[in-house]
Amino acid sequence: MNMSSLDSSLQAHSKLEKETSNSVLLKERVEKYHDLSTQMSEILKVFEQRLGKLEQSILPVYQETEQLQKRQQNLEATLNCLETVLAHYDVSQEVCNLVHQGPTEGNVGVFLEALGRLRSAMEYFLHHNSQSVELENVTSLFNTGCESLNNHYRMLLKKNGSALKPVELLDLIYIEDDSSSDEFTSFRQLSQSTREELFTISHWLEQNLRFEYTMIYSTERGEVVLRSLQHLKDHQKSNSWGNEALVSTCLTCKERFSKCSSVI
């Protein structure tokens, strides 16, 4: 019994020493952790102070850089405005030869672009320097270009405006007479490229309030209709169809005149 009590006492004493040792070790580690935390706090505090000083040093540089960027943007905008203004002053010399040469078939876009530049220059001088010689120059050149464009429009219509053969015209008339609907057969004289070019020119002229092309179109296409009818009349006479047939056909032609003008 005494031996058992002694063993228990020794075990308890051993556990106590072990717990004491662990407690001392834990205390040392806590103190070490505390020291590390204190050192880290000091480092962070110093870093924060240095970062604040750096921010105070960089902030004026940042503000100055921002101001320089704004100045650069203003300078670029000013240069762009100057280039635009100078272009208005130079446009007369740059497009003078092209305008006097006139547009070329199949390449009218280049000519219209030149007239567009002249129109922009006219608007600029009209609003900013209406008494300038430059306004007179660009206006005169613009009007010359529009006249050249009208002449080119007329040339395209003349070039592609041959009269219909009597047989073709009679076919159109008879087909229309036999048709039960309001539609009539179309006979196109103008090629696709020519129609597109005529449309481009007329659209540009209308957008720029130049409506002379309407009279040119009606005159030229009207002459085609009249020549076509005259050829038909001469054809009937040469074939001796007789007065009654001639009068009947001529009346039919007269009734279809308005439709033929749109067809050809």
C-alpha atoms as a PDB file:
ATOM      1  CA  MET A   1       0.000   0.000   0.000  1.00  0.00           C
ATOM      2  CA  ASN A   2       2.813   2.394   0.769  1.00  0.00           C
ATOM      3  CA  MET A   3       4.531   1.391  -2.444  1.00  0.00           C
ATOM      4  CA  SER A   4       1.463   2.216  -4.504  1.00  0.00           C
ATOM      5  CA  SER A   5       1.138   5.630  -2.889  1.00  0.00           C
ATOM      6  CA  LEU A   6       4.768   6.354  -3.658  1.00  0.00           C
ATOM      7  CA  ASP A   7       4.315   5.511  -7.346  1.00  0.00           C
ATOM      8  CA  SER A   8       1.272   7.744  -7.573  1.00  0.00           C
ATOM      9  CA  SER A   9       3.168  10.565  -5.940  1.00  0.00           C
ATOM     10  CA  LEU A  10       6.067  10.183  -8.383  1.00  0.00           C
ATOM     11  CA  GLN A  11       3.712  10.205 -11.389  1.00  0.00           C
ATOM     12  CA  ALA A  12       1.964  13.310 -10.135  1.00  0.00           C
ATOM     13  CA  HIS A  13       5.286  15.017  -9.553  1.00  0.00           C
ATOM     14  CA  SER A  14       6.445  14.086 -13.088  1.00  0.00           C
ATOM     15  CA  LYS A  15       3.267  15.466 -14.651  1.00  0.00           C
ATOM     16  CA  LEU A  16       3.634  18.657 -12.654  1.00  0.00           C
ATOM     17  CA  GLU A  17       7.192  19.152 -13.857  1.00  0.00           C
ATOM     18  CA  LYS A  18       6.090  18.491 -17.436  1.00  0.00           C
ATOM     19  CA  GLU A  19       3.214  20.958 -17.225  1.00  0.00           C
ATOM     20  CA  THR A  20       5.518  23.507 -15.627  1.00  0.00           C
ATOM     21  CA  SER A  21       7.999  23.057 -18.472  1.00  0.00           C
ATOM     22  CA  ASN A  22       5.227  23.453 -21.069  1.00  0.00           C
ATOM     23  CA  SER A  23       3.957  26.532 -19.289  1.00  0.00           C
ATOM     24  CA  VAL A  24       7.426  28.111 -19.334  1.00  0.00           C
ATOM     25  CA  LEU A  25       7.821  27.271 -23.042  1.00  0.00           C
ATOM     26  CA  LEU A  26       4.392  28.707 -23.841  1.00  0.00           C
ATOM     27  CA  LYS A  27       5.233  31.864 -21.922  1.00  0.00           C
ATOM     28  CA  GLU A  28       8.486  32.257 -23.868  1.00  0.00           C
ATOM     29  CA  ARG A  29       6.653  31.839 -27.160  1.00  0.00           C
ATOM     30  CA  VAL A  30       3.994  34.344 -26.167  1.00  0.00           C
ATOM     31  CA  GLU A  31       6.675  36.853 -25.259  1.00  0.00           C
ATOM     32  CA  LYS A  32       8.455  36.181 -28.550  1.00  0.00           C
ATOM     33  CA  TYR A  33       5.189  36.618 -30.467  1.00  0.00           C
ATOM     34  CA  HIS A  34       4.581  39.864 -28.591  1.00  0.00           C
ATOM     35  CA  ASP A  35       8.067  41.090 -29.518  1.00  0.00           C
ATOM     36  CA  LEU A  36       7.498  40.176 -33.176  1.00  0.00           C
ATOM     37  CA  SER A  37       4.120  41.931 -33.184  1.00  0.00           C
ATOM     38  CA  THR A  38       5.700  45.037 -31.676  1.00  0.00           C
ATOM     39  CA  GLN A  39       8.463  45.011 -34.284  1.00  0.00           C
ATOM     40  CA  MET A  40       5.952  44.487 -37.107  1.00  0.00           C
ATOM     41  CA  SER A  41       3.833  47.355 -35.833  1.00  0.00           C
ATOM     42  CA  GLU A  42       6.896  49.589 -35.786  1.00  0.00           C
ATOM     43  CA  ILE A  43       7.804  48.541 -39.345  1.00  0.00           C
ATOM     44  CA  LEU A  44       4.255  49.185 -40.576  1.00  0.00           C
ATOM     45  CA  LYS A  45       4.218  52.533 -38.827  1.00  0.00           C
ATOM     46  CA  VAL A  46       7.486  53.554 -40.487  1.00  0.00           C
ATOM     47  CA  PHE A  47       6.229  52.267 -43.854  1.00  0.00           C
ATOM     48  CA  GLU A  48       3.015  54.257 -43.475  1.00  0.00           C
ATOM     49  CA  GLN A  49       4.989  57.393 -42.669  1.00  0.00           C
ATOM     50  CA  ARG A  50       7.234  56.911 -45.688  1.00  0.00           C
ATOM     51  CA  LEU A  51       4.229  56.189 -47.917  1.00  0.00           C
ATOM     52  CA  GLY A  52       2.588  59.396 -46.718  1.00  0.00           C
ATOM     53  CA  LYS A  53       5.734  61.375 -47.514  1.00  0.00           C
ATOM     54  CA  LEU A  54       5.937  59.716 -50.948  1.00  0.00           C
ATOM     55  CA  GLU A  55       2.309  60.552 -51.640  1.00  0.00           C
ATOM     56  CA  GLN A  56       2.908  64.168 -50.685  1.00  0.00           C
ATOM     57  CA  SER A  57       5.895  64.225 -53.025  1.00  0.00           C
ATOM     58  CA  ILE A  58       4.095  62.545 -55.947  1.00  0.00           C
ATOM     59  CA  LEU A  59       0.797  64.439 -55.680  1.00  0.00           C
ATOM     60  CA  PRO A  60       2.186  67.716 -57.101  1.00  0.00           C
ATOM     61  CA  VAL A  61       3.858  65.749 -59.911  1.00  0.00           C
ATOM     62  CA  TYR A  62       0.581  63.975 -60.658  1.00  0.00           C
ATOM     63  CA  GLN A  63      -1.322  67.261 -60.700  1.00  0.00           C
ATOM     64  CA  GLU A  64       1.262  68.849 -62.965  1.00  0.00           C
ATOM     65  CA  THR A  65       1.170  65.840 -65.294  1.00  0.00           C
ATOM     66  CA  GLU A  66      -2.613  66.099 -65.489  1.00  0.00           C
ATOM     67  CA  GLN A  67      -2.338  69.782 -66.371  1.00  0.00           C
ATOM     68  CA  LEU A  68       0.246  68.990 -69.041  1.00  0.00           C
ATOM     69  CA  GLN A  69      -2.053  66.368 -70.540  1.00  0.00           C
ATOM     70  CA  LYS A  70      -4.904  68.877 -70.699  1.00  0.00           C
ATOM     71  CA  ARG A  71      -2.597  71.403 -72.333  1.00  0.00           C
ATOM     72  CA  GLN A  72      -1.527  68.790 -74.847  1.00  0.00           C
ATOM     73  CA  GLN A  73      -5.154  67.971 -75.649  1.00  0.00           C
ATOM     74  CA  ASN A  74      -5.949  71.668 -76.071  1.00  0.00           C
ATOM     75  CA  LEU A  75      -2.909  72.076 -78.294  1.00  0.00           C
ATOM     76  CA  GLU A  76      -3.913  69.130 -80.467  1.00  0.00           C
ATOM     77  CA  ALA A  77      -7.469  70.459 -80.762  1.00  0.00           C
ATOM     78  CA  THR A  78      -6.113  73.888 -81.722  1.00  0.00           C
ATOM     79  CA  LEU A  79      -3.818  72.363 -84.336  1.00  0.00           C
ATOM     80  CA  ASN A  80      -6.717  70.387 -85.794  1.00  0.00           C
ATOM     81  CA  CYS A  81      -8.783  73.572 -86.024  1.00  0.00           C
ATOM     82  CA  LEU A  82      -5.889  75.361 -87.698  1.00  0.00           C
ATOM     83  CA  GLU A  83      -5.475  72.537 -90.191  1.00  0.00           C
ATOM     84  CA  THR A  84      -9.178  72.697 -90.993  1.00  0.00           C
ATOM     85  CA  VAL A  85      -9.074  76.463 -91.468  1.00  0.00           C
ATOM     86  CA  LEU A  86      -5.926  76.272 -93.595  1.00  0.00           C
ATOM     87  CA  ALA A  87      -7.572  73.566 -95.694  1.00  0.00           C
ATOM     88  CA  HIS A  88     -10.434  75.982 -96.438  1.00  0.00           C
ATOM     89  CA  TYR A  89      -7.919  78.574 -97.616  1.00  0.00           C
ATOM     90  CA  ASP A  90      -6.002  76.058 -99.743  1.00  0.00           C
ATOM     91  CA  VAL A  91      -8.929  74.205-101.277  1.00  0.00           C
ATOM     92  CA  SER A  92      -9.313  76.599-104.232  1.00  0.00           C
ATOM     93  CA  GLN A  93      -5.795  75.970-105.480  1.00  0.00           C
ATOM     94  CA  GLU A  94      -5.937  72.248-104.768  1.00  0.00           C
ATOM     95  CA  VAL A  95      -9.129  71.503-106.722  1.00  0.00           C
ATOM     96  CA  CYS A  96      -9.003  74.273-109.333  1.00  0.00           C
ATOM     97  CA  ASN A  97      -7.622  72.101-112.145  1.00  0.00           C
ATOM     98  CA  LEU A  98      -9.950  69.222-111.341  1.00  0.00           C
ATOM     99  CA  VAL A  99     -13.026  71.463-111.350  1.00  0.00           C
ATOM    100  CA  HIS A 100     -12.129  73.057-114.682  1.00  0.00           C
ATOM    101  CA  GLN A 101     -11.408  69.663-116.227  1.00  0.00           C
ATOM    102  CA  GLY A 102     -14.828  68.462-115.149  1.00  0.00           C
ATOM    103  CA  PRO A 103     -15.962  65.010-114.011  1.00  0.00           C
ATOM    104  CA  THR A 104     -15.064  61.856-115.901  1.00  0.00           C
ATOM    105  CA  GLU A 105     -17.470  59.049-116.627  1.00  0.00           C
ATOM    106  CA  GLY A 106     -17.238  56.265-114.084  1.00  0.00           C
ATOM    107  CA  ASN A 107     -15.207  58.362-111.637  1.00  0.00           C
ATOM    108  CA  VAL A 108     -17.602  61.115-110.641  1.00  0.00           C
ATOM    109  CA  GLY A 109     -17.030  60.469-106.923  1.00  0.00           C
ATOM    110  CA  VAL A 110     -13.665  62.264-106.956  1.00  0.00           C
ATOM    111  CA  PHE A 111     -15.280  65.323-108.534  1.00  0.00           C
ATOM    112  CA  LEU A 112     -18.132  65.344-106.013  1.00  0.00           C
ATOM    113  CA  GLU A 113     -15.635  65.109-103.165  1.00  0.00           C
ATOM    114  CA  ALA A 114     -13.863  68.215-104.484  1.00  0.00           C
ATOM    115  CA  LEU A 115     -17.175  70.088-104.702  1.00  0.00           C
ATOM    116  CA  GLY A 116     -17.958  68.997-101.154  1.00  0.00           C
ATOM    117  CA  ARG A 117     -14.718  70.563 -99.946  1.00  0.00           C
ATOM    118  CA  LEU A 118     -15.600  73.786-101.749  1.00  0.00           C
ATOM    119  CA  ARG A 119     -19.048  73.761-100.158  1.00  0.00           C
ATOM    120  CA  SER A 120     -17.510  73.363 -96.680  1.00  0.00           C
ATOM    121  CA  ALA A 121     -15.145  76.256 -97.366  1.00  0.00           C
ATOM    122  CA  MET A 122     -18.063  78.408 -98.529  1.00  0.00           C
ATOM    123  CA  GLU A 123     -19.948  77.759 -95.305  1.00  0.00           C
ATOM    124  CA  TYR A 124     -16.859  78.535 -93.212  1.00  0.00           C
ATOM    125  CA  PHE A 125     -16.100  81.862 -94.890  1.00  0.00           C
ATOM    126  CA  LEU A 126     -19.777  82.803 -94.945  1.00  0.00           C
ATOM    127  CA  HIS A 127     -19.966  82.498 -91.144  1.00  0.00           C
ATOM    128  CA  HIS A 128     -16.490  83.740 -90.203  1.00  0.00           C
ATOM    129  CA  ASN A 129     -15.274  86.072 -92.955  1.00  0.00           C
ATOM    130  CA  SER A 130     -18.102  86.936 -95.310  1.00  0.00           C
ATOM    131  CA  GLN A 131     -16.235  89.887 -96.852  1.00  0.00           C
ATOM    132  CA  SER A 132     -13.158  87.884 -97.801  1.00  0.00           C
ATOM    133  CA  VAL A 133     -11.870  87.334-101.304  1.00  0.00           C
ATOM    134  CA  GLU A 134     -11.613  83.634-100.490  1.00  0.00           C
ATOM    135  CA  LEU A 135     -15.410  83.409-100.232  1.00  0.00           C
ATOM    136  CA  GLU A 136     -15.740  84.834-103.737  1.00  0.00           C
ATOM    137  CA  ASN A 137     -13.130  82.421-105.065  1.00  0.00           C
ATOM    138  CA  VAL A 138     -14.617  79.255-103.600  1.00  0.00           C
ATOM    139  CA  THR A 139     -18.162  80.328-104.531  1.00  0.00           C
ATOM    140  CA  SER A 140     -17.155  80.990-108.125  1.00  0.00           C
ATOM    141  CA  LEU A 141     -15.296  77.695-108.354  1.00  0.00           C
ATOM    142  CA  PHE A 142     -18.202  75.839-106.744  1.00  0.00           C
ATOM    143  CA  ASN A 143     -20.666  77.267-109.262  1.00  0.00           C
ATOM    144  CA  THR A 144     -18.308  76.354-112.091  1.00  0.00           C
ATOM    145  CA  GLY A 145     -18.126  72.817-110.758  1.00  0.00           C
ATOM    146  CA  CYS A 146     -21.914  72.545-110.527  1.00  0.00           C
ATOM    147  CA  GLU A 147     -22.213  73.732-114.115  1.00  0.00           C
ATOM    148  CA  SER A 148     -19.633  71.143-115.196  1.00  0.00           C
ATOM    149  CA  LEU A 149     -21.630  68.526-113.321  1.00  0.00           C
ATOM    150  CA  ASN A 150     -24.807  69.563-115.149  1.00  0.00           C
ATOM    151  CA  ASN A 151     -22.972  69.345-118.469  1.00  0.00           C
ATOM    152  CA  HIS A 152     -21.682  65.898-117.574  1.00  0.00           C
ATOM    153  CA  TYR A 153     -25.223  64.871-116.631  1.00  0.00           C
ATOM    154  CA  ARG A 154     -26.449  66.123-120.008  1.00  0.00           C
ATOM    155  CA  MET A 155     -23.610  64.313-121.803  1.00  0.00           C
ATOM    156  CA  LEU A 156     -24.514  61.000-120.173  1.00  0.00           C
ATOM    157  CA  LEU A 157     -28.130  61.376-121.271  1.00  0.00           C
ATOM    158  CA  LYS A 158     -27.154  62.327-124.830  1.00  0.00           C
ATOM    159  CA  LYS A 159     -24.599  59.542-125.104  1.00  0.00           C
ATOM    160  CA  ASN A 160     -27.107  56.930-124.000  1.00  0.00           C
ATOM    161  CA  GLY A 161     -30.180  58.563-125.488  1.00  0.00           C
ATOM    162  CA  SER A 162     -30.557  57.002-128.931  1.00  0.00           C
ATOM    163  CA  ALA A 163     -34.107  56.851-130.248  1.00  0.00           C
ATOM    164  CA  LEU A 164     -36.039  53.600-130.175  1.00  0.00           C
ATOM    165  CA  LYS A 165     -36.434  51.697-133.398  1.00  0.00           C
ATOM    166  CA  PRO A 166     -39.970  51.733-134.812  1.00  0.00           C
ATOM    167  CA  VAL A 167     -40.317  47.976-134.287  1.00  0.00           C
ATOM    168  CA  GLU A 168     -39.310  48.307-130.635  1.00  0.00           C
ATOM    169  CA  LEU A 169     -41.718  51.168-130.060  1.00  0.00           C
ATOM    170  CA  LEU A 170     -44.574  49.325-131.772  1.00  0.00           C
ATOM    171  CA  ASP A 171     -43.884  46.261-129.663  1.00  0.00           C
ATOM    172  CA  LEU A 172     -44.155  48.356-126.523  1.00  0.00           C
ATOM    173  CA  ILE A 173     -47.404  49.945-127.706  1.00  0.00           C
ATOM    174  CA  TYR A 174     -49.017  46.663-128.752  1.00  0.00           C
ATOM    175  CA  ILE A 175     -47.930  44.909-125.580  1.00  0.00           C
ATOM    176  CA  GLU A 176     -49.504  47.741-123.594  1.00  0.00           C
ATOM    177  CA  ASP A 177     -52.718  47.490-125.634  1.00  0.00           C
ATOM    178  CA  ASP A 178     -52.967  43.751-125.039  1.00  0.00           C
ATOM    179  CA  SER A 179     -52.185  43.972-121.333  1.00  0.00           C
ATOM    180  CA  SER A 180     -55.098  43.572-118.935  1.00  0.00           C
ATOM    181  CA  SER A 181     -53.226  45.160-116.036  1.00  0.00           C
ATOM    182  CA  ASP A 182     -51.987  48.664-115.339  1.00  0.00           C
ATOM    183  CA  GLU A 183     -48.350  47.593-115.640  1.00  0.00           C
ATOM    184  CA  PHE A 184     -46.391  48.158-118.821  1.00  0.00           C
ATOM    185  CA  THR A 185     -43.236  46.629-120.214  1.00  0.00           C
ATOM    186  CA  SER A 186     -40.006  48.474-119.490  1.00  0.00           C
ATOM    187  CA  PHE A 187     -37.397  49.004-122.183  1.00  0.00           C
ATOM    188  CA  ARG A 188     -34.185  50.234-120.640  1.00  0.00           C
ATOM    189  CA  GLN A 189     -31.709  52.151-122.767  1.00  0.00           C
ATOM    190  CA  LEU A 190     -29.363  53.111-119.947  1.00  0.00           C
ATOM    191  CA  SER A 191     -26.854  50.653-118.548  1.00  0.00           C
ATOM    192  CA  GLN A 192     -26.762  49.888-114.840  1.00  0.00           C
ATOM    193  CA  SER A 193     -23.552  51.872-114.324  1.00  0.00           C
ATOM    194  CA  THR A 194     -24.961  54.880-116.199  1.00  0.00           C
ATOM    195  CA  ARG A 195     -28.181  54.834-114.170  1.00  0.00           C
ATOM    196  CA  GLU A 196     -26.195  54.652-110.951  1.00  0.00           C
ATOM    197  CA  GLU A 197     -23.989  57.565-111.994  1.00  0.00           C
ATOM    198  CA  LEU A 198     -27.002  59.657-113.009  1.00  0.00           C
ATOM    199  CA  PHE A 199     -28.629  58.895-109.670  1.00  0.00           C
ATOM    200  CA  THR A 200     -25.460  59.827-107.769  1.00  0.00           C
ATOM    201  CA  ILE A 201     -25.211  63.147-109.598  1.00  0.00           C
ATOM    202  CA  SER A 202     -28.893  64.037-109.270  1.00  0.00           C
ATOM    203  CA  HIS A 203     -28.925  63.093-105.577  1.00  0.00           C
ATOM    204  CA  TRP A 204     -25.884  65.280-104.881  1.00  0.00           C
ATOM    205  CA  LEU A 205     -27.320  68.217-106.849  1.00  0.00           C
ATOM    206  CA  GLU A 206     -30.625  67.977-105.016  1.00  0.00           C
ATOM    207  CA  GLN A 207     -28.902  67.788-101.627  1.00  0.00           C
ATOM    208  CA  ASN A 208     -27.057  70.992-102.524  1.00  0.00           C
ATOM    209  CA  LEU A 209     -30.221  72.742-103.780  1.00  0.00           C
ATOM    210  CA  ARG A 210     -29.214  72.646-107.453  1.00  0.00           C
ATOM    211  CA  PHE A 211     -32.288  71.576-109.398  1.00  0.00           C
ATOM    212  CA  GLU A 212     -31.209  72.378-112.974  1.00  0.00           C
ATOM    213  CA  TYR A 213     -30.776  68.673-113.615  1.00  0.00           C
ATOM    214  CA  THR A 214     -34.566  68.186-113.655  1.00  0.00           C
ATOM    215  CA  MET A 215     -34.938  70.424-116.712  1.00  0.00           C
ATOM    216  CA  ILE A 216     -31.926  68.780-118.348  1.00  0.00           C
ATOM    217  CA  TYR A 217     -33.419  65.334-117.822  1.00  0.00           C
ATOM    218  CA  SER A 218     -36.879  66.274-119.081  1.00  0.00           C
ATOM    219  CA  THR A 219     -35.421  68.020-122.150  1.00  0.00           C
ATOM    220  CA  GLU A 220     -33.014  65.259-123.151  1.00  0.00           C
ATOM    221  CA  ARG A 221     -35.392  62.372-122.529  1.00  0.00           C
ATOM    222  CA  GLY A 222     -38.223  64.297-124.155  1.00  0.00           C
ATOM    223  CA  GLU A 223     -36.133  64.647-127.309  1.00  0.00           C
ATOM    224  CA  VAL A 224     -35.554  60.892-127.288  1.00  0.00           C
ATOM    225  CA  VAL A 225     -39.308  60.329-127.175  1.00  0.00           C
ATOM    226  CA  LEU A 226     -39.940  62.791-129.994  1.00  0.00           C
ATOM    227  CA  ARG A 227     -37.226  61.265-132.183  1.00  0.00           C
ATOM    228  CA  SER A 228     -38.611  57.805-131.507  1.00  0.00           C
ATOM    229  CA  LEU A 229     -42.101  58.913-132.557  1.00  0.00           C
ATOM    230  CA  GLN A 230     -40.746  60.675-135.641  1.00  0.00           C
ATOM    231  CA  HIS A 231     -38.877  57.535-136.686  1.00  0.00           C
ATOM    232  CA  LEU A 232     -42.079  55.573-136.245  1.00  0.00           C
ATOM    233  CA  LYS A 233     -43.965  58.067-138.376  1.00  0.00           C
ATOM    234  CA  ASP A 234     -41.317  57.968-141.114  1.00  0.00           C
ATOM    235  CA  HIS A 235     -41.308  54.180-140.978  1.00  0.00           C
ATOM    236  CA  GLN A 236     -45.052  54.044-141.491  1.00  0.00           C
ATOM    237  CA  LYS A 237     -44.888  56.442-144.415  1.00  0.00           C
ATOM    238  CA  SER A 238     -42.080  54.542-146.096  1.00  0.00           C
ATOM    239  CA  ASN A 239     -44.053  51.288-145.848  1.00  0.00           C
ATOM    240  CA  SER A 240     -47.261  52.900-147.248  1.00  0.00           C
ATOM    241  CA  TRP A 241     -49.559  51.608-144.546  1.00  0.00           C
ATOM    242  CA  GLY A 242     -52.340  53.941-145.611  1.00  0.00           C
ATOM    243  CA  ASN A 243     -53.771  57.065-144.059  1.00  0.00           C
ATOM    244  CA  GLU A 244     -56.213  55.254-141.757  1.00  0.00           C
ATOM    245  CA  ALA A 245     -53.584  52.994-140.225  1.00  0.00           C
ATOM    246  CA  LEU A 246     -51.195  55.923-139.910  1.00  0.00           C
ATOM    247  CA  VAL A 247     -53.706  58.086-138.093  1.00  0.00           C
ATOM    248  CA  SER A 248     -54.740  55.221-135.824  1.00  0.00           C
ATOM    249  CA  THR A 249     -51.171  54.383-134.850  1.00  0.00           C
ATOM    250  CA  CYS A 250     -50.228  58.037-134.315  1.00  0.00           C
ATOM    251  CA  LEU A 251     -53.189  58.488-131.996  1.00  0.00           C
ATOM    252  CA  THR A 252     -52.102  55.436-130.046  1.00  0.00           C
ATOM    253  CA  CYS A 253     -48.564  56.816-129.856  1.00  0.00           C
ATOM    254  CA  LYS A 254     -49.880  60.119-128.598  1.00  0.00           C
ATOM    255  CA  GLU A 255     -51.870  58.359-125.870  1.00  0.00           C
ATOM    256  CA  ARG A 256     -48.769  56.428-124.773  1.00  0.00           C
ATOM    257  CA  PHE A 257     -46.422  59.403-124.960  1.00  0.00           C
ATOM    258  CA  SER A 258     -46.329  60.071-121.228  1.00  0.00           C
ATOM    259  CA  LYS A 259     -45.635  56.414-120.432  1.00  0.00           C
ATOM    260  CA  CYS A 260     -42.959  56.088-123.089  1.00  0.00           C
ATOM    261  CA  SER A 261     -41.126  59.080-121.656  1.00  0.00           C
ATOM    262  CA  SER A 262     -40.663  57.194-118.401  1.00  0.00           C
ATOM    263  CA  VAL A 263     -39.819  53.934-120.137  1.00  0.00           C
ATOM    264  CA  ILE A 264     -36.986  55.347-122.253  1.00  0.00           C
END
